[in-house]
Amino acid sequence: MSTIDNLTLNPIQTFGNQSLNCPFCSSTNSKKQHGVAGFLFLYCNHCKSVFRSDAHVVVAFEYPEEYYGDAEKEKFWFAPIVWMLNSERRSRTRYIAKRIPLANTSVIDIGCGNGALLTRIQQKTNCNAIGIEMDSVAARRASKNTKLSIISKPFQEVDLPLHSFDAVVTIHSFEHIAQPQQNLEKASRLVKTDGMLYIAIPNIASFQYKLFGRYWLHLDPEFHLHFIHPDFIKSTMLSKGFMFRKARHFNPVQNIPGFVLSALNLVTGKRDVLFDMLRNRKKLRNPFNVLLFLLLLILSAVLLPIAITEELVSVALGRGATVDFVFSKNKPV
C-alpha cells in the first residue's frame, strides 16, 4: 500500500480478466495499461482514454502539504520555475481576457489552486471571479486575495446557477476529480451562451506518453485519476452544444521540463526525485540530496536540447504533452 506522509492511497486491485467501465464512455472494453505507485491504470479500447481503476470513486481527502511545496505562495521554491509559471499564466490570461465581455463578466476557475491565474484574469478584466478549490494549502493561499471568492469544497458538492459564467476555466485540475463525465457535464452547464470553456489537460495521445509510459511526469499516479483522449473530449463537447475553437499544444513551460523530468524518472527508475526537490527545499538539508540535486540538474541541461526538439516536433504534429482546449457554447444545454 502506497503512502505519502499520512495519506493512505488505494492499492492496485486484482481484476483478472474483468474490465471496468470507462468513466468517459462507459465501455467495458478496457485492458490493463500500467501498475504504478500502487495504482492500476486501464486503457479504454473504445474511446482511447486512460483511467485509474478507482476513477469512479469520490473520496474526500486533503492532499498532503508536501504536494503544494514548502514555499509561501507557490508550489515551487526554485525561482526560474516560478518565473516560467507566471509566464504561462500571462499567456492564458491574455487569451481568455480577449475573448470575454468587458463588462459584467463572471469567470469561474475549477481547481484554482493558489488563485494566481484567476487573480490575473480578475485584474485584467475586473470580472466577478470565483475559484473552487478543495480545502487545502492552495485554497488558503488563494483566499488571501480578497477580490476572489473562493469556495473550499469539492466541485461535485458546489451548487451554482446554470448558464451564468462567461468563462469556465479548469487548468490541470479536471484529471484530479472523480467521475469526470458527470463533472464535464456540470461544468458545461455553467457556461453562458457564447461563453467559453477553457480546459487544460495532460495529453494521453502525446509523443511523451508513448515514449515514457509509466515514467511520464504527467501520469502523476497518486493524484491523476483519468486522461481523456483529445478526440473524445472534442466529440463530447460537440454533443453538448459547444463548438471546438482551438487546441493549444505549444506549452514550453509544461512540456519541455516534463520531457526532462520524465527522462530522469526513466533513468533513475524512480518517480519525481528532482521534481520533489524543486517543490520541497527541506529535502536539500541532506548533503547527499544536495549532490544528487546538482547531478540531476547537470543531466537536465544535457537533456534540454532533446526536450526542445521534441516540443517543436510535437507542436507541429499536434501531439504536445499537455494541451489547452477552448470551446464556445452555441446554445443552452
C-alpha atoms as a PDB file:
ATOM      1  CA  MET A   1       0.000   0.000   0.000  1.00  0.00           C
ATOM      2  CA  SER A   2       1.445   3.360  -1.024  1.00  0.00           C
ATOM      3  CA  THR A   3       1.523   6.332   1.320  1.00  0.00           C
ATOM      4  CA  ILE A   4       2.508   9.957   1.105  1.00  0.00           C
ATOM      5  CA  ASP A   5       3.021  11.237   4.617  1.00  0.00           C
ATOM      6  CA  ASN A   6      -0.193  10.280   6.430  1.00  0.00           C
ATOM      7  CA  LEU A   7      -2.332   9.941   3.299  1.00  0.00           C
ATOM      8  CA  THR A   8      -3.211   6.344   2.513  1.00  0.00           C
ATOM      9  CA  LEU A   9      -3.693   5.699  -1.190  1.00  0.00           C
ATOM     10  CA  ASN A  10      -5.750   2.987  -2.809  1.00  0.00           C
ATOM     11  CA  PRO A  11      -3.647  -0.055  -3.779  1.00  0.00           C
ATOM     12  CA  ILE A  12      -3.798  -1.956  -7.042  1.00  0.00           C
ATOM     13  CA  GLN A  13      -6.854  -4.165  -7.108  1.00  0.00           C
ATOM     14  CA  THR A  14      -6.825  -7.596  -8.737  1.00  0.00           C
ATOM     15  CA  PHE A  15      -9.357  -7.886 -11.541  1.00  0.00           C
ATOM     16  CA  GLY A  16      -8.139 -10.927 -13.514  1.00  0.00           C
ATOM     17  CA  ASN A  17      -9.765 -10.621 -16.928  1.00  0.00           C
ATOM     18  CA  GLN A  18     -12.537  -8.343 -15.666  1.00  0.00           C
ATOM     19  CA  SER A  19     -12.812  -4.914 -17.308  1.00  0.00           C
ATOM     20  CA  LEU A  20     -14.076  -1.815 -15.523  1.00  0.00           C
ATOM     21  CA  ASN A  21     -16.464   0.637 -17.113  1.00  0.00           C
ATOM     22  CA  CYS A  22     -14.628   3.568 -18.660  1.00  0.00           C
ATOM     23  CA  PRO A  23     -15.543   6.749 -16.720  1.00  0.00           C
ATOM     24  CA  PHE A  24     -15.859   8.639 -20.019  1.00  0.00           C
ATOM     25  CA  CYS A  25     -17.763   6.361 -22.407  1.00  0.00           C
ATOM     26  CA  SER A  26     -18.941   3.597 -20.002  1.00  0.00           C
ATOM     27  CA  SER A  27     -17.474   0.906 -22.254  1.00  0.00           C
ATOM     28  CA  THR A  28     -16.402  -2.313 -20.546  1.00  0.00           C
ATOM     29  CA  ASN A  29     -13.835  -2.975 -23.268  1.00  0.00           C
ATOM     30  CA  SER A  30     -10.703  -1.963 -21.374  1.00  0.00           C
ATOM     31  CA  LYS A  31      -7.315  -3.508 -20.707  1.00  0.00           C
ATOM     32  CA  LYS A  32      -4.571  -3.078 -18.154  1.00  0.00           C
ATOM     33  CA  GLN A  33      -2.091  -0.368 -19.082  1.00  0.00           C
ATOM     34  CA  HIS A  34       0.168   0.323 -16.083  1.00  0.00           C
ATOM     35  CA  GLY A  35       0.642  -0.586 -12.475  1.00  0.00           C
ATOM     36  CA  VAL A  36       2.333   2.454 -10.955  1.00  0.00           C
ATOM     37  CA  ALA A  37       2.892   3.528  -7.334  1.00  0.00           C
ATOM     38  CA  GLY A  38       0.266   1.079  -6.130  1.00  0.00           C
ATOM     39  CA  PHE A  39      -2.384   2.059  -8.694  1.00  0.00           C
ATOM     40  CA  LEU A  40      -3.811   0.282 -11.699  1.00  0.00           C
ATOM     41  CA  PHE A  41      -4.345   2.244 -14.912  1.00  0.00           C
ATOM     42  CA  LEU A  42      -6.526   0.893 -17.708  1.00  0.00           C
ATOM     43  CA  TYR A  43      -6.845   1.758 -21.393  1.00  0.00           C
ATOM     44  CA  CYS A  44     -10.303   2.017 -22.945  1.00  0.00           C
ATOM     45  CA  ASN A  45     -10.347   0.331 -26.344  1.00  0.00           C
ATOM     46  CA  HIS A  46     -13.474   2.282 -27.295  1.00  0.00           C
ATOM     47  CA  CYS A  47     -12.665   5.960 -26.618  1.00  0.00           C
ATOM     48  CA  LYS A  48      -8.857   5.510 -26.201  1.00  0.00           C
ATOM     49  CA  SER A  49      -8.833   7.236 -22.816  1.00  0.00           C
ATOM     50  CA  VAL A  50      -6.768   6.012 -19.853  1.00  0.00           C
ATOM     51  CA  PHE A  51      -8.130   5.849 -16.330  1.00  0.00           C
ATOM     52  CA  ARG A  52      -7.229   4.703 -12.854  1.00  0.00           C
ATOM     53  CA  SER A  53      -9.237   1.773 -11.558  1.00  0.00           C
ATOM     54  CA  ASP A  54     -10.836   3.949  -8.876  1.00  0.00           C
ATOM     55  CA  ALA A  55     -11.615   6.924 -11.136  1.00  0.00           C
ATOM     56  CA  HIS A  56     -15.325   6.350 -10.469  1.00  0.00           C
ATOM     57  CA  VAL A  57     -14.981   6.724  -6.700  1.00  0.00           C
ATOM     58  CA  VAL A  58     -15.384  10.086  -4.988  1.00  0.00           C
ATOM     59  CA  VAL A  59     -13.064  10.179  -1.976  1.00  0.00           C
ATOM     60  CA  ALA A  60     -12.872  13.249   0.249  1.00  0.00           C
ATOM     61  CA  PHE A  61      -9.361  13.943   1.496  1.00  0.00           C
ATOM     62  CA  GLU A  62      -6.941  16.811   1.769  1.00  0.00           C
ATOM     63  CA  TYR A  63      -3.762  16.463  -0.242  1.00  0.00           C
ATOM     64  CA  PRO A  64      -0.609  16.256   1.901  1.00  0.00           C
ATOM     65  CA  GLU A  65       1.114  19.575   2.456  1.00  0.00           C
ATOM     66  CA  GLU A  66       4.246  18.436   0.623  1.00  0.00           C
ATOM     67  CA  TYR A  67       2.176  18.202  -2.567  1.00  0.00           C
ATOM     68  CA  TYR A  68       1.871  22.008  -2.526  1.00  0.00           C
ATOM     69  CA  GLY A  69       5.531  22.644  -1.778  1.00  0.00           C
ATOM     70  CA  ASP A  70       7.076  24.494   1.137  1.00  0.00           C
ATOM     71  CA  ALA A  71       7.313  27.965  -0.430  1.00  0.00           C
ATOM     72  CA  GLU A  72       4.994  30.629   0.968  1.00  0.00           C
ATOM     73  CA  LYS A  73       2.918  31.340  -2.147  1.00  0.00           C
ATOM     74  CA  GLU A  74       3.859  28.842  -4.864  1.00  0.00           C
ATOM     75  CA  LYS A  75       4.247  25.099  -5.278  1.00  0.00           C
ATOM     76  CA  PHE A  76       7.933  25.553  -6.164  1.00  0.00           C
ATOM     77  CA  TRP A  77      10.706  27.402  -4.354  1.00  0.00           C
ATOM     78  CA  PHE A  78      13.058  27.440  -7.381  1.00  0.00           C
ATOM     79  CA  ALA A  79      12.841  30.973  -8.823  1.00  0.00           C
ATOM     80  CA  PRO A  80      13.250  30.041 -12.540  1.00  0.00           C
ATOM     81  CA  ILE A  81      10.253  27.710 -12.284  1.00  0.00           C
ATOM     82  CA  VAL A  82       8.109  30.398 -10.650  1.00  0.00           C
ATOM     83  CA  TRP A  83       9.093  32.784 -13.460  1.00  0.00           C
ATOM     84  CA  MET A  84       8.062  30.194 -16.067  1.00  0.00           C
ATOM     85  CA  LEU A  85       4.745  29.546 -14.323  1.00  0.00           C
ATOM     86  CA  ASN A  86       3.980  33.259 -14.286  1.00  0.00           C
ATOM     87  CA  SER A  87       4.808  33.438 -17.996  1.00  0.00           C
ATOM     88  CA  GLU A  88       2.342  30.608 -18.634  1.00  0.00           C
ATOM     89  CA  ARG A  89      -0.319  32.396 -16.567  1.00  0.00           C
ATOM     90  CA  ARG A  90       0.194  35.631 -18.502  1.00  0.00           C
ATOM     91  CA  SER A  91      -0.286  33.782 -21.782  1.00  0.00           C
ATOM     92  CA  ARG A  92      -3.542  32.167 -20.655  1.00  0.00           C
ATOM     93  CA  THR A  93      -4.788  35.419 -19.142  1.00  0.00           C
ATOM     94  CA  ARG A  94      -4.241  37.311 -22.406  1.00  0.00           C
ATOM     95  CA  TYR A  95      -6.028  34.629 -24.389  1.00  0.00           C
ATOM     96  CA  ILE A  96      -9.047  34.423 -22.073  1.00  0.00           C
ATOM     97  CA  ALA A  97      -9.349  38.178 -21.470  1.00  0.00           C
ATOM     98  CA  LYS A  98      -9.547  38.903 -25.215  1.00  0.00           C
ATOM     99  CA  ARG A  99     -12.467  36.545 -25.637  1.00  0.00           C
ATOM    100  CA  ILE A 100     -14.855  37.505 -22.861  1.00  0.00           C
ATOM    101  CA  PRO A 101     -17.039  40.634 -22.456  1.00  0.00           C
ATOM    102  CA  LEU A 102     -15.510  43.756 -20.962  1.00  0.00           C
ATOM    103  CA  ALA A 103     -18.417  44.468 -18.600  1.00  0.00           C
ATOM    104  CA  ASN A 104     -20.416  42.425 -16.089  1.00  0.00           C
ATOM    105  CA  THR A 105     -18.203  39.416 -16.659  1.00  0.00           C
ATOM    106  CA  SER A 106     -18.158  36.297 -14.498  1.00  0.00           C
ATOM    107  CA  VAL A 107     -15.322  33.779 -14.544  1.00  0.00           C
ATOM    108  CA  ILE A 108     -15.029  30.574 -12.550  1.00  0.00           C
ATOM    109  CA  ASP A 109     -11.820  28.579 -12.164  1.00  0.00           C
ATOM    110  CA  ILE A 110     -12.472  24.965 -11.162  1.00  0.00           C
ATOM    111  CA  GLY A 111      -9.458  23.783  -9.208  1.00  0.00           C
ATOM    112  CA  CYS A 112      -7.996  27.272  -8.959  1.00  0.00           C
ATOM    113  CA  GLY A 113      -5.013  26.215  -6.853  1.00  0.00           C
ATOM    114  CA  ASN A 114      -3.339  29.222  -5.264  1.00  0.00           C
ATOM    115  CA  GLY A 115      -5.522  31.560  -7.333  1.00  0.00           C
ATOM    116  CA  ALA A 116      -2.619  33.023  -9.316  1.00  0.00           C
ATOM    117  CA  LEU A 117      -4.260  32.642 -12.743  1.00  0.00           C
ATOM    118  CA  LEU A 118      -7.669  33.767 -11.519  1.00  0.00           C
ATOM    119  CA  THR A 119      -6.082  36.809  -9.875  1.00  0.00           C
ATOM    120  CA  ARG A 120      -4.506  37.839 -13.178  1.00  0.00           C
ATOM    121  CA  ILE A 121      -7.799  37.392 -15.040  1.00  0.00           C
ATOM    122  CA  GLN A 122      -9.638  39.432 -12.396  1.00  0.00           C
ATOM    123  CA  GLN A 123      -7.071  42.227 -12.541  1.00  0.00           C
ATOM    124  CA  LYS A 124      -7.182  42.385 -16.341  1.00  0.00           C
ATOM    125  CA  THR A 125     -10.988  42.184 -16.783  1.00  0.00           C
ATOM    126  CA  ASN A 126     -12.376  43.343 -13.414  1.00  0.00           C
ATOM    127  CA  CYS A 127     -14.639  40.299 -13.573  1.00  0.00           C
ATOM    128  CA  ASN A 128     -16.582  38.605 -10.822  1.00  0.00           C
ATOM    129  CA  ALA A 129     -14.022  35.893 -10.096  1.00  0.00           C
ATOM    130  CA  ILE A 130     -14.938  32.651  -8.346  1.00  0.00           C
ATOM    131  CA  GLY A 131     -12.468  29.896  -7.581  1.00  0.00           C
ATOM    132  CA  ILE A 132     -13.216  26.359  -6.478  1.00  0.00           C
ATOM    133  CA  GLU A 133     -10.500  24.545  -4.581  1.00  0.00           C
ATOM    134  CA  MET A 134     -10.924  21.815  -2.009  1.00  0.00           C
ATOM    135  CA  ASP A 135      -9.868  22.883   1.467  1.00  0.00           C
ATOM    136  CA  SER A 136      -6.099  22.797   1.279  1.00  0.00           C
ATOM    137  CA  VAL A 137      -2.870  24.761   1.441  1.00  0.00           C
ATOM    138  CA  ALA A 138      -3.660  26.036  -2.069  1.00  0.00           C
ATOM    139  CA  ALA A 139      -7.145  27.245  -1.098  1.00  0.00           C
ATOM    140  CA  ARG A 140      -5.744  29.110   1.873  1.00  0.00           C
ATOM    141  CA  ARG A 141      -3.201  30.786  -0.401  1.00  0.00           C
ATOM    142  CA  ALA A 142      -5.949  31.787  -2.841  1.00  0.00           C
ATOM    143  CA  SER A 143      -8.172  33.149  -0.057  1.00  0.00           C
ATOM    144  CA  LYS A 144      -5.585  35.822   0.749  1.00  0.00           C
ATOM    145  CA  ASN A 145      -6.746  37.727  -2.348  1.00  0.00           C
ATOM    146  CA  THR A 146      -9.901  39.451  -1.129  1.00  0.00           C
ATOM    147  CA  LYS A 147     -11.097  40.141  -4.695  1.00  0.00           C
ATOM    148  CA  LEU A 148     -11.557  36.415  -5.310  1.00  0.00           C
ATOM    149  CA  SER A 149     -14.492  34.408  -3.997  1.00  0.00           C
ATOM    150  CA  ILE A 150     -13.013  31.047  -3.031  1.00  0.00           C
ATOM    151  CA  ILE A 151     -15.278  28.061  -2.431  1.00  0.00           C
ATOM    152  CA  SER A 152     -13.391  25.450  -0.415  1.00  0.00           C
ATOM    153  CA  LYS A 153     -15.365  22.385  -1.430  1.00  0.00           C
ATOM    154  CA  PRO A 154     -15.020  19.586  -3.969  1.00  0.00           C
ATOM    155  CA  PHE A 155     -16.575  20.592  -7.299  1.00  0.00           C
ATOM    156  CA  GLN A 156     -19.141  17.803  -7.010  1.00  0.00           C
ATOM    157  CA  GLU A 157     -20.602  19.460  -3.902  1.00  0.00           C
ATOM    158  CA  VAL A 158     -20.785  23.028  -5.217  1.00  0.00           C
ATOM    159  CA  ASP A 159     -24.229  24.348  -6.202  1.00  0.00           C
ATOM    160  CA  LEU A 160     -24.023  27.154  -8.786  1.00  0.00           C
ATOM    161  CA  PRO A 161     -26.578  28.781 -11.122  1.00  0.00           C
ATOM    162  CA  LEU A 162     -26.689  27.325 -14.621  1.00  0.00           C
ATOM    163  CA  HIS A 163     -25.582  29.304 -17.701  1.00  0.00           C
ATOM    164  CA  SER A 164     -24.097  32.073 -15.539  1.00  0.00           C
ATOM    165  CA  PHE A 165     -20.396  32.299 -16.461  1.00  0.00           C
ATOM    166  CA  ASP A 166     -18.693  33.918 -19.435  1.00  0.00           C
ATOM    167  CA  ALA A 167     -15.704  31.637 -18.943  1.00  0.00           C
ATOM    168  CA  VAL A 168     -15.367  28.345 -17.115  1.00  0.00           C
ATOM    169  CA  VAL A 169     -11.701  27.537 -16.672  1.00  0.00           C
ATOM    170  CA  THR A 170     -10.054  24.373 -15.401  1.00  0.00           C
ATOM    171  CA  ILE A 171      -6.269  24.166 -15.622  1.00  0.00           C
ATOM    172  CA  HIS A 172      -4.822  20.741 -14.890  1.00  0.00           C
ATOM    173  CA  SER A 173      -7.463  20.025 -12.289  1.00  0.00           C
ATOM    174  CA  PHE A 174     -10.010  18.049 -14.332  1.00  0.00           C
ATOM    175  CA  GLU A 175      -7.841  14.922 -14.148  1.00  0.00           C
ATOM    176  CA  HIS A 176      -7.861  15.133 -10.338  1.00  0.00           C
ATOM    177  CA  ILE A 177     -11.646  14.880  -9.986  1.00  0.00           C
ATOM    178  CA  ALA A 178     -13.507  11.561  -9.849  1.00  0.00           C
ATOM    179  CA  GLN A 179     -16.496  10.862 -12.104  1.00  0.00           C
ATOM    180  CA  PRO A 180     -15.161  13.003 -14.972  1.00  0.00           C
ATOM    181  CA  GLN A 181     -18.083  12.650 -17.370  1.00  0.00           C
ATOM    182  CA  GLN A 182     -20.522  13.944 -14.750  1.00  0.00           C
ATOM    183  CA  ASN A 183     -18.203  16.831 -13.920  1.00  0.00           C
ATOM    184  CA  LEU A 184     -17.705  17.743 -17.570  1.00  0.00           C
ATOM    185  CA  GLU A 185     -21.482  17.825 -17.912  1.00  0.00           C
ATOM    186  CA  LYS A 186     -21.777  20.013 -14.810  1.00  0.00           C
ATOM    187  CA  ALA A 187     -19.060  22.405 -15.995  1.00  0.00           C
ATOM    188  CA  SER A 188     -20.640  22.706 -19.446  1.00  0.00           C
ATOM    189  CA  ARG A 189     -23.957  23.746 -17.913  1.00  0.00           C
ATOM    190  CA  LEU A 190     -22.307  26.645 -16.087  1.00  0.00           C
ATOM    191  CA  VAL A 191     -21.258  28.337 -19.351  1.00  0.00           C
ATOM    192  CA  LYS A 192     -23.413  31.107 -20.826  1.00  0.00           C
ATOM    193  CA  THR A 193     -24.461  31.030 -24.464  1.00  0.00           C
ATOM    194  CA  ASP A 194     -21.441  32.322 -26.443  1.00  0.00           C
ATOM    195  CA  GLY A 195     -19.346  31.698 -23.337  1.00  0.00           C
ATOM    196  CA  MET A 196     -16.069  29.800 -23.177  1.00  0.00           C
ATOM    197  CA  LEU A 197     -14.946  26.515 -21.646  1.00  0.00           C
ATOM    198  CA  TYR A 198     -11.160  26.500 -21.306  1.00  0.00           C
ATOM    199  CA  ILE A 199      -9.708  23.188 -20.156  1.00  0.00           C
ATOM    200  CA  ALA A 200      -6.033  22.240 -19.901  1.00  0.00           C
ATOM    201  CA  ILE A 201      -5.166  18.559 -19.522  1.00  0.00           C
ATOM    202  CA  PRO A 202      -2.284  16.120 -19.930  1.00  0.00           C
ATOM    203  CA  ASN A 203      -2.377  14.672 -23.445  1.00  0.00           C
ATOM    204  CA  ILE A 204      -2.624  10.891 -23.464  1.00  0.00           C
ATOM    205  CA  ALA A 205      -2.129  10.982 -27.253  1.00  0.00           C
ATOM    206  CA  SER A 206       1.212  12.778 -26.889  1.00  0.00           C
ATOM    207  CA  PHE A 207       4.597  11.536 -28.012  1.00  0.00           C
ATOM    208  CA  GLN A 208       5.837  11.905 -24.437  1.00  0.00           C
ATOM    209  CA  TYR A 209       3.267   9.462 -23.088  1.00  0.00           C
ATOM    210  CA  LYS A 210       4.050   6.969 -25.856  1.00  0.00           C
ATOM    211  CA  LEU A 211       7.775   7.307 -25.142  1.00  0.00           C
ATOM    212  CA  PHE A 212       7.843   7.284 -21.346  1.00  0.00           C
ATOM    213  CA  GLY A 213       4.695   5.368 -20.373  1.00  0.00           C
ATOM    214  CA  ARG A 214       4.644   4.700 -16.636  1.00  0.00           C
ATOM    215  CA  TYR A 215       7.555   7.124 -16.144  1.00  0.00           C
ATOM    216  CA  TRP A 216       5.754  10.059 -17.774  1.00  0.00           C
ATOM    217  CA  LEU A 217       5.767  13.035 -15.422  1.00  0.00           C
ATOM    218  CA  HIS A 218       2.158  13.967 -16.151  1.00  0.00           C
ATOM    219  CA  LEU A 219       0.896  10.491 -15.259  1.00  0.00           C
ATOM    220  CA  ASP A 220       1.267  11.617 -11.611  1.00  0.00           C
ATOM    221  CA  PRO A 221      -0.328   8.338 -10.478  1.00  0.00           C
ATOM    222  CA  GLU A 222      -1.115   9.279  -6.891  1.00  0.00           C
ATOM    223  CA  PHE A 223      -3.265  12.238  -7.904  1.00  0.00           C
ATOM    224  CA  HIS A 224      -4.326  11.933 -11.558  1.00  0.00           C
ATOM    225  CA  LEU A 225      -7.386   9.730 -11.911  1.00  0.00           C
ATOM    226  CA  HIS A 226      -8.006   9.787 -15.651  1.00  0.00           C
ATOM    227  CA  PHE A 227      -6.825  11.085 -19.026  1.00  0.00           C
ATOM    228  CA  ILE A 228      -9.481  11.769 -21.640  1.00  0.00           C
ATOM    229  CA  HIS A 229      -8.388  11.265 -25.238  1.00  0.00           C
ATOM    230  CA  PRO A 230      -8.348  14.537 -27.244  1.00  0.00           C
ATOM    231  CA  ASP A 231     -10.658  13.173 -29.931  1.00  0.00           C
ATOM    232  CA  PHE A 232     -13.191  12.067 -27.345  1.00  0.00           C
ATOM    233  CA  ILE A 233     -13.338  15.372 -25.477  1.00  0.00           C
ATOM    234  CA  LYS A 234     -13.957  17.134 -28.802  1.00  0.00           C
ATOM    235  CA  SER A 235     -16.836  14.818 -29.729  1.00  0.00           C
ATOM    236  CA  THR A 236     -18.242  15.003 -26.200  1.00  0.00           C
ATOM    237  CA  MET A 237     -18.320  18.795 -26.164  1.00  0.00           C
ATOM    238  CA  LEU A 238     -19.830  18.904 -29.658  1.00  0.00           C
ATOM    239  CA  SER A 239     -22.676  16.716 -28.386  1.00  0.00           C
ATOM    240  CA  LYS A 240     -23.244  19.202 -25.545  1.00  0.00           C
ATOM    241  CA  GLY A 241     -23.805  22.136 -27.895  1.00  0.00           C
ATOM    242  CA  PHE A 242     -20.260  23.513 -27.957  1.00  0.00           C
ATOM    243  CA  MET A 243     -18.052  24.471 -30.875  1.00  0.00           C
ATOM    244  CA  PHE A 244     -14.383  23.489 -30.883  1.00  0.00           C
ATOM    245  CA  ARG A 245     -12.282  26.651 -31.166  1.00  0.00           C
ATOM    246  CA  LYS A 246      -8.672  25.764 -30.529  1.00  0.00           C
ATOM    247  CA  ALA A 247      -6.204  23.217 -29.194  1.00  0.00           C
ATOM    248  CA  ARG A 248      -3.108  24.921 -27.829  1.00  0.00           C
ATOM    249  CA  HIS A 249      -0.280  22.349 -27.906  1.00  0.00           C
ATOM    250  CA  PHE A 250       2.601  24.798 -27.530  1.00  0.00           C
ATOM    251  CA  ASN A 251       3.457  24.999 -23.849  1.00  0.00           C
ATOM    252  CA  PRO A 252       7.214  25.074 -23.225  1.00  0.00           C
ATOM    253  CA  VAL A 253       6.619  25.692 -19.519  1.00  0.00           C
ATOM    254  CA  GLN A 254       4.873  22.350 -19.034  1.00  0.00           C
ATOM    255  CA  ASN A 255       6.168  20.256 -21.891  1.00  0.00           C
ATOM    256  CA  ILE A 256       9.915  20.872 -22.031  1.00  0.00           C
ATOM    257  CA  PRO A 257      10.524  20.354 -18.285  1.00  0.00           C
ATOM    258  CA  GLY A 258       8.023  17.487 -18.484  1.00  0.00           C
ATOM    259  CA  PHE A 259      10.227  15.712 -21.041  1.00  0.00           C
ATOM    260  CA  VAL A 260      13.351  16.257 -18.944  1.00  0.00           C
ATOM    261  CA  LEU A 261      11.733  15.086 -15.701  1.00  0.00           C
ATOM    262  CA  SER A 262      10.149  12.076 -17.413  1.00  0.00           C
ATOM    263  CA  ALA A 263      13.554  11.101 -18.798  1.00  0.00           C
ATOM    264  CA  LEU A 264      15.041  11.410 -15.313  1.00  0.00           C
ATOM    265  CA  ASN A 265      12.275   9.170 -13.980  1.00  0.00           C
ATOM    266  CA  LEU A 266      13.221   6.594 -16.611  1.00  0.00           C
ATOM    267  CA  VAL A 267      16.966   6.858 -15.966  1.00  0.00           C
ATOM    268  CA  THR A 268      16.705   6.668 -12.177  1.00  0.00           C
ATOM    269  CA  GLY A 269      13.861   4.141 -12.143  1.00  0.00           C
ATOM    270  CA  LYS A 270      12.134   6.320  -9.542  1.00  0.00           C
ATOM    271  CA  ARG A 271       9.415   8.904  -9.993  1.00  0.00           C
ATOM    272  CA  ASP A 272       9.827  12.621  -9.369  1.00  0.00           C
ATOM    273  CA  VAL A 273      13.146  12.691  -7.494  1.00  0.00           C
ATOM    274  CA  LEU A 274      14.181  16.098  -8.870  1.00  0.00           C
ATOM    275  CA  PHE A 275      10.571  17.294  -9.077  1.00  0.00           C
ATOM    276  CA  ASP A 276      10.059  16.702  -5.342  1.00  0.00           C
ATOM    277  CA  MET A 277      13.281  18.527  -4.521  1.00  0.00           C
ATOM    278  CA  LEU A 278      12.104  21.515  -6.559  1.00  0.00           C
ATOM    279  CA  ARG A 279       8.864  21.550  -4.560  1.00  0.00           C
ATOM    280  CA  ASN A 280      10.300  20.939  -1.111  1.00  0.00           C
ATOM    281  CA  ARG A 281      13.531  22.717  -0.237  1.00  0.00           C
ATOM    282  CA  LYS A 282      13.722  20.842   3.069  1.00  0.00           C
ATOM    283  CA  LYS A 283      14.775  17.730   1.135  1.00  0.00           C
ATOM    284  CA  LEU A 284      18.074  19.507   0.443  1.00  0.00           C
ATOM    285  CA  ARG A 285      19.005  19.545   4.116  1.00  0.00           C
ATOM    286  CA  ASN A 286      20.553  16.141   3.474  1.00  0.00           C
ATOM    287  CA  PRO A 287      24.081  16.592   1.987  1.00  0.00           C
ATOM    288  CA  PHE A 288      23.616  13.508  -0.201  1.00  0.00           C
ATOM    289  CA  ASN A 289      20.450  15.032  -1.660  1.00  0.00           C
ATOM    290  CA  VAL A 290      22.335  18.246  -2.445  1.00  0.00           C
ATOM    291  CA  LEU A 291      24.869  16.289  -4.505  1.00  0.00           C
ATOM    292  CA  LEU A 292      22.064  14.337  -6.168  1.00  0.00           C
ATOM    293  CA  PHE A 293      20.225  17.589  -6.897  1.00  0.00           C
ATOM    294  CA  LEU A 294      23.286  19.077  -8.619  1.00  0.00           C
ATOM    295  CA  LEU A 295      23.880  15.885 -10.601  1.00  0.00           C
ATOM    296  CA  LEU A 296      20.263  15.817 -11.795  1.00  0.00           C
ATOM    297  CA  LEU A 297      20.462  19.489 -12.793  1.00  0.00           C
ATOM    298  CA  ILE A 298      23.545  18.745 -14.916  1.00  0.00           C
ATOM    299  CA  LEU A 299      21.789  15.799 -16.534  1.00  0.00           C
ATOM    300  CA  SER A 300      18.763  18.034 -17.131  1.00  0.00           C
ATOM    301  CA  ALA A 301      20.951  20.509 -19.013  1.00  0.00           C
ATOM    302  CA  VAL A 302      22.205  17.677 -21.230  1.00  0.00           C
ATOM    303  CA  LEU A 303      18.621  16.587 -21.963  1.00  0.00           C
ATOM    304  CA  LEU A 304      17.359  20.112 -22.639  1.00  0.00           C
ATOM    305  CA  PRO A 305      18.160  20.307 -26.399  1.00  0.00           C
ATOM    306  CA  ILE A 306      16.388  16.980 -26.958  1.00  0.00           C
ATOM    307  CA  ALA A 307      13.389  18.227 -24.970  1.00  0.00           C
ATOM    308  CA  ILE A 308      13.183  21.439 -27.010  1.00  0.00           C
ATOM    309  CA  THR A 309      13.327  19.461 -30.260  1.00  0.00           C
ATOM    310  CA  GLU A 310      10.580  17.118 -29.050  1.00  0.00           C
ATOM    311  CA  GLU A 311       8.384  20.077 -28.142  1.00  0.00           C
ATOM    312  CA  LEU A 312       8.747  21.670 -31.576  1.00  0.00           C
ATOM    313  CA  VAL A 313       8.001  18.393 -33.378  1.00  0.00           C
ATOM    314  CA  SER A 314       5.053  17.619 -31.092  1.00  0.00           C
ATOM    315  CA  VAL A 315       3.523  21.053 -31.591  1.00  0.00           C
ATOM    316  CA  ALA A 316       3.879  20.785 -35.365  1.00  0.00           C
ATOM    317  CA  LEU A 317       2.097  17.418 -35.325  1.00  0.00           C
ATOM    318  CA  GLY A 318      -0.485  18.277 -32.661  1.00  0.00           C
ATOM    319  CA  ARG A 319       0.923  15.831 -30.111  1.00  0.00           C
ATOM    320  CA  GLY A 320       2.022  18.093 -27.254  1.00  0.00           C
ATOM    321  CA  ALA A 321       2.448  16.542 -23.805  1.00  0.00           C
ATOM    322  CA  THR A 322      -0.233  18.883 -22.490  1.00  0.00           C
ATOM    323  CA  VAL A 323      -2.991  20.609 -24.405  1.00  0.00           C
ATOM    324  CA  ASP A 324      -5.316  23.536 -23.716  1.00  0.00           C
ATOM    325  CA  PHE A 325      -8.741  23.052 -25.312  1.00  0.00           C
ATOM    326  CA  VAL A 326     -11.020  26.012 -25.994  1.00  0.00           C
ATOM    327  CA  PHE A 327     -14.738  25.502 -26.675  1.00  0.00           C
ATOM    328  CA  SER A 328     -17.526  28.039 -27.117  1.00  0.00           C
ATOM    329  CA  LYS A 329     -21.170  27.390 -26.330  1.00  0.00           C
ATOM    330  CA  ASN A 330     -23.653  27.671 -29.173  1.00  0.00           C
ATOM    331  CA  LYS A 331     -26.887  27.061 -27.293  1.00  0.00           C
ATOM    332  CA  PRO A 332     -28.123  26.234 -23.789  1.00  0.00           C
ATOM    333  CA  VAL A 333     -27.616  22.623 -22.829  1.00  0.00           C
END
